Protein backbone atom coordinates (compact mmCIF):
# COMPACT_ATOMS: atom_id res chain seq x y z
CA MET A 1 -5.00 8.11 -12.12
CA CYS A 2 -3.76 11.09 -14.10
CA GLY A 3 -0.23 9.78 -14.82
CA THR A 4 1.59 12.74 -13.31
CA CYS A 5 3.41 10.52 -10.80
CA ARG A 6 4.68 7.26 -12.23
CA TYR A 7 7.04 4.63 -10.87
CA GLU A 8 8.58 1.29 -11.66
CA PHE A 9 10.29 -1.46 -9.76
CA ARG A 10 12.11 -4.61 -10.73
CA GLY A 11 12.75 -7.94 -9.13
CA ASP A 12 10.92 -11.06 -8.08
CA PRO A 13 7.13 -11.11 -8.03
CA PRO A 14 6.31 -8.80 -5.14
CA GLN A 15 4.57 -9.78 -1.95
CA THR A 16 1.05 -8.37 -1.92
CA GLY A 17 -1.46 -8.24 0.89
CA TYR A 18 -4.73 -6.84 2.12
CA CYS A 19 -4.42 -4.36 4.98
CA HIS A 20 -7.54 -3.89 7.09
CA CYS A 21 -6.09 -1.41 9.59
CA ASP A 22 -8.05 1.77 10.23
CA MET A 23 -5.24 3.96 8.89
CA CYS A 24 -5.21 2.20 5.50
CA LYS A 25 -9.00 2.30 5.28
CA LYS A 26 -9.00 6.05 5.89
CA ALA A 27 -6.02 6.73 3.62
CA THR A 28 -7.54 4.88 0.65
CA GLY A 29 -11.22 5.54 1.30
CA GLY A 30 -11.94 1.83 0.98
CA PRO A 31 -12.79 -1.13 3.22
CA PHE A 32 -9.12 -2.22 3.06
CA ALA A 33 -5.96 -1.41 1.14
CA VAL A 34 -4.14 -3.78 -1.19
CA LEU A 35 -0.43 -3.05 -0.85
CA VAL A 36 2.44 -4.33 -2.97
CA GLN A 37 5.97 -4.48 -1.52
CA ALA A 38 8.99 -3.26 -3.42
CA SER A 39 12.50 -2.76 -2.11
CA LEU A 40 13.67 0.84 -2.24
CA GLU A 41 16.73 -0.40 -4.09
CA ALA A 42 14.55 -1.76 -6.93
CA PHE A 43 12.10 1.18 -6.98
CA ARG A 44 12.26 4.53 -8.77
CA TRP A 45 9.97 7.36 -9.77
CA THR A 46 9.91 7.68 -13.56
CA ASN A 47 7.68 10.74 -13.83
CA GLY A 48 6.86 13.39 -11.25
CA ARG A 49 7.33 13.12 -7.53
CA PRO A 50 4.43 12.57 -5.14
CA ARG A 51 3.67 14.71 -2.16
CA SER A 52 3.81 12.98 1.19
CA TYR A 53 2.48 13.38 4.69
CA ARG A 54 3.12 11.75 8.03
CA SER A 55 0.08 9.53 8.54
CA SER A 56 1.22 8.19 11.92
CA PRO A 57 4.22 8.38 14.25
CA ILE A 58 5.80 5.47 12.33
CA ALA A 59 4.92 5.98 8.66
CA THR A 60 4.60 8.34 5.71
CA ARG A 61 2.11 8.11 2.86
CA GLY A 62 2.41 9.55 -0.62
CA PHE A 63 -0.14 10.75 -3.13
CA CYS A 64 -0.25 12.42 -6.53
CA TYR A 65 -0.11 16.17 -6.00
CA LEU A 66 -2.37 16.78 -9.01
CA CYS A 67 -5.22 14.25 -8.75
CA GLY A 68 -4.81 13.00 -5.15
CA THR A 69 -4.43 9.29 -5.94
CA PRO A 70 -2.96 7.41 -2.93
CA LEU A 71 0.35 5.92 -4.11
CA TYR A 72 2.35 4.46 -1.24
CA LEU A 73 2.96 3.76 2.41
CA GLN A 74 6.47 3.71 3.83
CA TYR A 75 7.40 2.86 7.39
CA ASP A 76 10.24 4.84 8.93
CA ASP A 77 13.69 3.31 8.50
CA ASP A 78 12.31 0.53 6.28
CA GLU A 79 13.97 -0.64 3.08
CA LEU A 80 10.56 -1.34 1.54
CA ILE A 81 7.93 0.84 -0.02
CA LEU A 82 4.34 -0.42 -0.15
CA VAL A 83 2.56 0.85 -3.25
CA THR A 84 -1.18 0.75 -3.71
CA ALA A 85 -2.21 -2.05 -6.08
CA GLY A 86 -4.68 0.26 -7.80
CA SER A 87 -1.84 2.55 -8.87
CA LEU A 88 -0.08 -0.24 -10.80
CA ASP A 89 -0.27 -0.36 -14.59
CA TYR A 90 -1.22 -4.03 -14.34
CA PRO A 91 -2.92 -4.56 -10.97
CA GLU A 92 -4.14 -8.00 -12.04
CA ARG A 93 -0.54 -9.19 -11.65
CA ALA A 94 -0.56 -8.34 -7.94
CA ARG A 95 -2.10 -11.31 -6.17
CA PRO A 96 -2.62 -10.88 -2.44
CA THR A 97 -1.37 -13.73 -0.26
CA GLU A 98 -2.01 -12.42 3.25
CA HIS A 99 -4.14 -10.21 5.48
CA CYS A 100 -2.77 -7.61 7.91
CA GLY A 101 -4.60 -5.52 10.48
CA VAL A 102 -7.28 -8.18 10.82
CA GLU A 103 -8.46 -6.87 14.17
CA ASN A 104 -10.06 -4.01 12.19
CA ARG A 105 -11.50 -6.06 9.33
CA LEU A 106 -15.06 -5.10 8.51
CA GLY A 107 -17.44 -8.00 9.03
CA TRP A 108 -18.73 -7.77 5.48
CA ALA A 109 -15.24 -7.59 3.89
CA ASP A 110 -15.16 -11.32 3.22
CA CYS A 111 -12.30 -11.47 0.75
CA ARG A 112 -9.91 -14.36 0.41
CA ARG A 113 -10.48 -16.03 3.77
CA GLY A 114 -7.90 -18.70 4.53
CA PHE A 115 -4.83 -16.57 3.79
CA PRO A 116 -2.34 -16.04 6.63
CA GLU A 117 -3.58 -13.32 9.01
CA GLU A 118 -1.69 -10.91 11.21
CA LYS A 119 -2.84 -8.30 13.70
CA THR A 120 -1.44 -4.78 13.57
CA GLN A 121 1.89 -4.85 15.36
CA GLU A 122 2.44 -1.11 15.73
CA THR A 123 0.68 0.88 18.38
CA PHE A 124 0.31 4.63 18.32
């Protein structure tokens, strides 16, 4: 939001999805998160470095240390980083193609039905 922490990544059009899990809802303050995958190899911070916290036994989340904007989710030992679509310069280019964490989807969150759906695989 404030531009203190900025990033870029290169490569093929990224995979993007809605996540309805309770952790993503709480971390973003929304009814779901829209997350965009980037490989760590293709990703770099171009300005500032976010702060991070362990949001679960299996993942870390990052946010801007100045304005608090949620920026990413990264699972332990994963070669991907999942950035929040709202933190992109051009979020309209991120087109979700799937739903994750559907067991926690809010009944009124009726977005893009018909996409592939997956339940949360990790348990805490």
